[in-house]
Amino acid sequence: MGRGAATRVAVPWQAQYTLLASIWGLSFMLMKIGNETLDPIQVSFARMIVGAVVLGAAVLVKREQLPRGFRLWGHVLVVSALFNSVPMSLYAWSETRVSSIVAGIWNGMTPIFVLMVVLAAFPEERPTRERVAGIMVGFVGVVVVLGPWSGLGGQSLAGNLAALAAALCYGLGYPYMRRYVATTRESGLALSFAQLVCATVSLAVVTPFVTAAPSHVSARSLAAVAALGALGTGFAYVLQYAIVRQVGTTTAATVTYVIPVVATIAGLVFLGESLRWNEPVGAVVVLAGVALTQGRLRYVPGRTRPSAAGKP
């Protein structure tokens, strides 16, 4: 290296991984805070705007090429609905009825839903014993988290189902992206930015018709939404892209196991939320099912480019 040349300091991937898990795990707490004075749809809309600005800046700096052609943009629009506008709105809405801890636990079901859709959509994939066992164990975990022995119904059930539906959206989104978007020449960063642009436009159309202007917005809620957008919907995907390049998506995808843990700690420590015994037990069962499904999983997310997908 020549005199005066800048020294590049490499950040260990383990540190980046920990930061990524923390950002996505804390997203559930931040959504809960955003809901204090904003409608859940407004929380999602605002974070999309901030996230799009952050990723747009990264695209400009890296001079990435954006998707071209109406057909590809159509697929990106579908992906944005399955990965961004719909699930993030569902998670935010669910947290008006359940704790951020429970919403974070349901996010752990994403890999199981992905596998179910992949097995149904791709004939080359085979339902091995491990995969079937993992799916069954995962749904046992769902039952444990719901705790039907305590009674089902009302606000809590609606919130649980909304969070579960959000995870299902991710399960549909990954296979769709694999088939229609992943083989394009655009980078993961450019595709992530395109997704957020589509999600922002979609929510800009919907939000005025389903929400009213808030009478008061606290600085606390604004700060939470800004952090959600800049970190959870923006910087996190740049960080994910860097981790995937260093260690591959197989390792990067294990962040799924850490997100519910961070969400639980944040809910307990910062929000003072309560935790019933069946919720952490059910979460452990769900994650055990995820581990089983990934034991011999031939569909590797690394075949796709990293994008703004599958995370809160």
Protein backbone atom coordinates (compact mmCIF):
# COMPACT_ATOMS: atom_id res chain seq x y z
CA MET A 1 0.00 0.00 0.00
CA GLY A 2 1.42 3.36 -1.00
CA ARG A 3 2.15 6.23 1.37
CA GLY A 4 -0.95 8.19 2.24
CA ALA A 5 -3.27 5.44 1.05
CA ALA A 6 -6.26 4.92 3.29
CA THR A 7 -6.15 1.85 5.47
CA ARG A 8 -9.30 -0.23 5.16
CA VAL A 9 -10.44 -1.67 8.47
CA ALA A 10 -12.37 -4.92 8.01
CA VAL A 11 -15.22 -5.38 10.47
CA PRO A 12 -15.50 -9.05 11.55
CA TRP A 13 -18.58 -10.72 10.12
CA GLN A 14 -19.53 -11.89 13.63
CA ALA A 15 -19.87 -8.27 14.73
CA GLN A 16 -21.97 -7.44 11.65
CA TYR A 17 -24.12 -10.52 12.27
CA THR A 18 -24.75 -9.49 15.89
CA LEU A 19 -25.65 -5.99 14.79
CA LEU A 20 -28.05 -7.30 12.13
CA ALA A 21 -29.81 -9.62 14.58
CA SER A 22 -30.09 -6.77 17.07
CA ILE A 23 -31.57 -4.37 14.52
CA TRP A 24 -34.19 -6.81 13.29
CA GLY A 25 -34.97 -8.05 16.80
CA LEU A 26 -35.44 -4.50 18.08
CA SER A 27 -37.78 -3.72 15.17
CA PHE A 28 -40.70 -5.27 17.04
CA MET A 29 -40.15 -2.99 20.01
CA LEU A 30 -39.86 0.02 17.71
CA MET A 31 -43.14 -0.85 15.98
CA LYS A 32 -44.84 -1.00 19.36
CA ILE A 33 -43.52 2.47 20.21
CA GLY A 34 -44.52 3.83 16.81
CA ASN A 35 -48.06 2.57 17.40
CA GLU A 36 -48.38 4.79 20.48
CA THR A 37 -49.41 7.85 18.45
CA LEU A 38 -49.52 6.59 14.86
CA ASP A 39 -51.79 4.17 13.05
CA PRO A 40 -50.01 0.86 12.23
CA ILE A 41 -50.34 1.54 8.49
CA GLN A 42 -48.78 4.96 9.02
CA VAL A 43 -45.90 3.34 10.89
CA SER A 44 -45.27 1.03 7.92
CA PHE A 45 -45.63 3.83 5.38
CA ALA A 46 -43.20 6.11 7.21
CA ARG A 47 -40.57 3.39 7.62
CA MET A 48 -40.79 2.58 3.91
CA ILE A 49 -40.11 6.19 3.01
CA VAL A 50 -37.09 6.42 5.31
CA GLY A 51 -35.80 3.01 4.23
CA ALA A 52 -36.14 3.88 0.56
CA VAL A 53 -34.15 7.08 1.10
CA VAL A 54 -31.36 5.17 2.87
CA LEU A 55 -31.13 2.45 0.23
CA GLY A 56 -31.49 5.02 -2.55
CA ALA A 57 -28.41 6.80 -1.23
CA ALA A 58 -26.52 3.48 -1.17
CA VAL A 59 -27.59 2.75 -4.75
CA LEU A 60 -26.32 6.15 -5.88
CA VAL A 61 -22.99 5.75 -4.10
CA LYS A 62 -22.44 2.29 -5.55
CA ARG A 63 -23.89 3.31 -8.95
CA GLU A 64 -26.09 0.24 -9.07
CA GLN A 65 -28.29 -0.42 -12.08
CA LEU A 66 -32.01 -0.41 -11.31
CA PRO A 67 -34.40 -3.03 -12.76
CA ARG A 68 -35.50 -2.45 -16.33
CA GLY A 69 -38.67 -3.43 -18.14
CA PHE A 70 -42.31 -3.41 -17.06
CA ARG A 71 -42.38 -7.18 -16.60
CA LEU A 72 -39.56 -7.17 -14.04
CA TRP A 73 -41.00 -4.17 -12.23
CA GLY A 74 -44.31 -6.04 -12.06
CA HIS A 75 -42.60 -8.94 -10.33
CA VAL A 76 -40.79 -6.54 -8.00
CA LEU A 77 -44.17 -5.01 -7.12
CA VAL A 78 -45.49 -8.43 -6.10
CA VAL A 79 -42.33 -9.13 -4.11
CA SER A 80 -42.65 -5.76 -2.36
CA ALA A 81 -46.18 -6.66 -1.29
CA LEU A 82 -45.11 -10.05 0.06
CA PHE A 83 -41.93 -8.82 1.73
CA ASN A 84 -42.62 -5.23 2.70
CA SER A 85 -45.94 -3.40 2.59
CA VAL A 86 -48.28 -6.24 3.63
CA PRO A 87 -46.28 -8.16 6.28
CA MET A 88 -44.82 -5.06 7.90
CA SER A 89 -48.30 -3.55 8.16
CA LEU A 90 -49.64 -6.81 9.58
CA TYR A 91 -46.89 -6.97 12.19
CA ALA A 92 -47.52 -3.36 13.21
CA TRP A 93 -51.28 -3.99 13.42
CA SER A 94 -50.79 -7.22 15.37
CA GLU A 95 -48.85 -5.30 18.02
CA THR A 96 -51.94 -3.27 18.83
CA ARG A 97 -53.36 -6.55 20.17
CA VAL A 98 -50.38 -8.66 21.29
CA SER A 99 -46.99 -7.90 22.76
CA SER A 100 -43.92 -7.17 20.66
CA ILE A 101 -42.48 -10.37 22.17
CA VAL A 102 -45.23 -12.53 20.67
CA ALA A 103 -44.94 -10.79 17.28
CA GLY A 104 -41.21 -11.48 17.29
CA ILE A 105 -41.81 -15.15 18.10
CA TRP A 106 -44.13 -15.53 15.13
CA ASN A 107 -41.41 -14.20 12.84
CA GLY A 108 -39.52 -17.40 13.65
CA MET A 109 -42.10 -19.37 11.64
CA THR A 110 -40.90 -17.81 8.38
CA PRO A 111 -38.46 -20.61 7.33
CA ILE A 112 -41.14 -23.27 7.88
CA PHE A 113 -43.63 -21.40 5.68
CA VAL A 114 -40.90 -20.92 3.08
CA LEU A 115 -40.26 -24.66 3.00
CA MET A 116 -43.95 -25.51 2.69
CA VAL A 117 -44.39 -23.19 -0.29
CA VAL A 118 -41.12 -24.37 -1.90
CA LEU A 119 -42.22 -28.01 -1.65
CA ALA A 120 -45.54 -27.13 -3.25
CA ALA A 121 -44.17 -24.85 -5.98
CA PHE A 122 -40.98 -26.60 -7.06
CA PRO A 123 -41.34 -30.24 -8.20
CA GLU A 124 -37.58 -30.81 -7.89
CA GLU A 125 -37.78 -30.32 -4.13
CA ARG A 126 -38.46 -33.48 -2.12
CA PRO A 127 -40.27 -33.76 1.23
CA THR A 128 -37.61 -35.63 3.22
CA ARG A 129 -38.26 -37.03 6.69
CA GLU A 130 -36.40 -34.15 8.27
CA ARG A 131 -38.45 -31.59 6.38
CA VAL A 132 -41.80 -33.17 7.21
CA ALA A 133 -40.79 -33.65 10.84
CA GLY A 134 -39.62 -30.04 11.05
CA ILE A 135 -42.93 -28.74 9.68
CA MET A 136 -44.89 -30.85 12.16
CA VAL A 137 -42.72 -29.77 15.09
CA GLY A 138 -43.06 -26.14 14.00
CA PHE A 139 -46.84 -26.31 14.10
CA VAL A 140 -46.74 -27.96 17.51
CA GLY A 141 -44.82 -24.86 18.56
CA VAL A 142 -47.58 -22.68 17.07
CA VAL A 143 -50.16 -24.44 19.24
CA VAL A 144 -47.98 -24.03 22.34
CA VAL A 145 -47.52 -20.30 21.71
CA LEU A 146 -51.26 -19.79 21.17
CA GLY A 147 -52.04 -21.66 24.40
CA PRO A 148 -55.55 -22.86 23.49
CA TRP A 149 -56.01 -24.25 27.03
CA SER A 150 -56.33 -20.64 28.20
CA GLY A 151 -59.07 -19.94 25.68
CA LEU A 152 -58.92 -18.49 22.19
CA GLY A 153 -60.69 -15.51 20.76
CA GLY A 154 -60.93 -11.76 20.91
CA GLN A 155 -58.16 -9.24 20.39
CA SER A 156 -55.32 -11.59 21.28
CA LEU A 157 -56.29 -14.22 18.71
CA ALA A 158 -56.66 -11.57 15.99
CA GLY A 159 -53.20 -10.20 16.80
CA ASN A 160 -51.62 -13.65 16.78
CA LEU A 161 -53.21 -14.54 13.44
CA ALA A 162 -52.10 -11.24 11.91
CA ALA A 163 -48.48 -11.85 12.94
CA LEU A 164 -48.69 -15.42 11.69
CA ALA A 165 -50.09 -14.15 8.37
CA ALA A 166 -47.14 -11.77 8.12
CA ALA A 167 -44.73 -14.70 8.43
CA LEU A 168 -46.77 -16.55 5.79
CA CYS A 169 -46.31 -13.59 3.42
CA TYR A 170 -42.55 -14.05 3.72
CA GLY A 171 -43.04 -17.75 3.09
CA LEU A 172 -44.79 -16.94 -0.18
CA GLY A 173 -42.32 -14.20 -1.07
CA TYR A 174 -39.09 -16.20 -1.06
CA PRO A 175 -40.21 -18.81 -3.63
CA TYR A 176 -41.79 -16.09 -5.78
CA MET A 177 -38.54 -14.12 -5.74
CA ARG A 178 -36.60 -17.29 -6.52
CA ARG A 179 -38.68 -17.99 -9.62
CA TYR A 180 -39.22 -14.53 -11.07
CA VAL A 181 -36.62 -12.10 -9.70
CA ALA A 182 -33.51 -13.87 -8.43
CA THR A 183 -32.12 -14.76 -11.86
CA THR A 184 -31.97 -11.17 -13.07
CA ARG A 185 -28.64 -9.36 -13.41
CA GLU A 186 -29.48 -6.56 -10.98
CA SER A 187 -27.76 -6.61 -7.59
CA GLY A 188 -29.52 -7.41 -4.34
CA LEU A 189 -29.10 -3.81 -3.24
CA ALA A 190 -30.78 -2.46 -6.36
CA LEU A 191 -33.62 -4.97 -6.07
CA SER A 192 -34.09 -4.11 -2.39
CA PHE A 193 -34.34 -0.42 -3.24
CA ALA A 194 -36.80 -1.16 -6.03
CA GLN A 195 -38.93 -3.18 -3.59
CA LEU A 196 -39.05 -0.32 -1.11
CA VAL A 197 -39.98 2.15 -3.85
CA CYS A 198 -42.88 -0.09 -4.89
CA ALA A 199 -43.94 -0.60 -1.28
CA THR A 200 -43.79 3.13 -0.60
CA VAL A 201 -45.94 3.94 -3.63
CA SER A 202 -48.45 1.20 -2.72
CA LEU A 203 -48.84 2.45 0.84
CA ALA A 204 -49.02 6.06 -0.37
CA VAL A 205 -52.13 5.06 -2.30
CA VAL A 206 -53.72 3.03 0.49
CA THR A 207 -52.87 4.99 3.64
CA PRO A 208 -55.11 8.08 3.08
CA PHE A 209 -58.16 5.83 2.61
CA VAL A 210 -57.70 3.60 5.67
CA THR A 211 -56.25 6.00 8.24
CA ALA A 212 -56.94 9.48 9.56
CA ALA A 213 -54.37 12.13 10.27
CA PRO A 214 -53.08 11.70 13.82
CA SER A 215 -54.14 14.38 16.30
CA HIS A 216 -50.75 14.24 17.96
CA VAL A 217 -47.46 12.53 17.13
CA SER A 218 -44.95 12.16 19.94
CA ALA A 219 -41.23 12.60 19.47
CA ARG A 220 -40.85 9.08 20.85
CA SER A 221 -42.99 7.59 18.07
CA LEU A 222 -41.24 9.66 15.40
CA ALA A 223 -37.84 8.54 16.64
CA ALA A 224 -38.96 4.90 16.65
CA VAL A 225 -40.27 5.11 13.09
CA ALA A 226 -37.12 6.89 11.92
CA ALA A 227 -35.00 4.14 13.46
CA LEU A 228 -37.24 1.48 11.90
CA GLY A 229 -36.79 2.99 8.47
CA ALA A 230 -33.14 3.96 8.61
CA LEU A 231 -31.95 0.81 10.38
CA GLY A 232 -34.48 -2.01 10.08
CA THR A 233 -35.70 -1.17 6.58
CA GLY A 234 -32.56 0.47 5.22
CA PHE A 235 -29.14 -0.12 6.73
CA ALA A 236 -29.98 -3.70 7.78
CA TYR A 237 -30.25 -4.81 4.15
CA VAL A 238 -26.92 -3.23 3.28
CA LEU A 239 -25.50 -5.05 6.30
CA GLN A 240 -27.11 -8.31 5.23
CA TYR A 241 -25.62 -7.91 1.78
CA ALA A 242 -22.13 -7.53 3.28
CA ILE A 243 -22.54 -10.58 5.53
CA VAL A 244 -23.75 -12.76 2.67
CA ARG A 245 -20.75 -11.76 0.59
CA GLN A 246 -18.38 -12.69 3.42
CA VAL A 247 -19.82 -15.96 4.74
CA GLY A 248 -22.71 -16.91 2.45
CA THR A 249 -26.44 -17.00 3.00
CA THR A 250 -26.49 -20.32 4.83
CA THR A 251 -24.74 -18.69 7.78
CA ALA A 252 -26.48 -15.35 7.33
CA ALA A 253 -29.91 -17.03 7.36
CA THR A 254 -29.33 -18.33 10.90
CA VAL A 255 -30.15 -14.82 12.10
CA THR A 256 -33.72 -16.20 12.16
CA TYR A 257 -32.87 -18.01 15.39
CA VAL A 258 -31.62 -14.86 17.12
CA ILE A 259 -34.38 -12.40 16.19
CA PRO A 260 -37.04 -13.83 18.60
CA VAL A 261 -34.48 -13.82 21.42
CA VAL A 262 -33.64 -10.14 20.88
CA ALA A 263 -37.33 -9.25 20.51
CA THR A 264 -38.12 -11.01 23.79
CA ILE A 265 -35.32 -9.31 25.72
CA ALA A 266 -36.27 -5.89 24.31
CA GLY A 267 -39.94 -6.36 25.17
CA LEU A 268 -39.15 -7.41 28.72
CA VAL A 269 -36.46 -4.85 29.48
CA PHE A 270 -37.56 -1.72 27.60
CA LEU A 271 -41.34 -2.10 27.36
CA GLY A 272 -42.04 -4.02 30.56
CA GLU A 273 -44.11 -6.60 28.69
CA SER A 274 -45.19 -9.80 30.39
CA LEU A 275 -44.24 -13.26 29.25
CA ARG A 276 -46.36 -16.35 29.76
CA TRP A 277 -44.52 -19.64 30.19
CA ASN A 278 -45.92 -21.13 26.98
CA GLU A 279 -44.57 -18.34 24.76
CA PRO A 280 -40.83 -18.99 25.20
CA VAL A 281 -41.46 -22.75 25.28
CA GLY A 282 -43.43 -22.54 22.04
CA ALA A 283 -40.72 -20.36 20.49
CA VAL A 284 -38.09 -22.99 21.30
CA VAL A 285 -40.28 -25.69 19.72
CA VAL A 286 -40.80 -23.56 16.59
CA LEU A 287 -37.07 -22.94 16.22
CA ALA A 288 -36.39 -26.65 16.76
CA GLY A 289 -38.73 -27.32 13.84
CA VAL A 290 -36.86 -24.76 11.76
CA ALA A 291 -33.58 -26.49 12.57
CA LEU A 292 -35.02 -29.83 11.45
CA THR A 293 -36.27 -28.44 8.15
CA GLN A 294 -32.87 -26.95 7.36
CA GLY A 295 -30.92 -30.12 8.11
CA ARG A 296 -31.00 -31.34 4.51
CA LEU A 297 -32.58 -28.34 2.83
CA ARG A 298 -31.55 -28.32 -0.82
CA TYR A 299 -33.16 -24.94 -1.45
CA VAL A 300 -30.42 -22.58 -0.30
CA PRO A 301 -31.27 -18.86 -0.08
CA GLY A 302 -27.80 -18.21 -1.48
CA ARG A 303 -29.15 -19.03 -4.94
CA THR A 304 -30.91 -15.72 -4.73
CA ARG A 305 -29.41 -12.33 -4.23
CA PRO A 306 -30.00 -10.76 -0.84
CA SER A 307 -32.91 -8.37 -0.85
CA ALA A 308 -35.25 -6.57 1.48
CA ALA A 309 -37.09 -9.72 2.32
CA GLY A 310 -38.42 -11.87 5.13
CA LYS A 311 -37.52 -9.53 8.00
CA PRO A 312 -39.49 -7.19 10.19
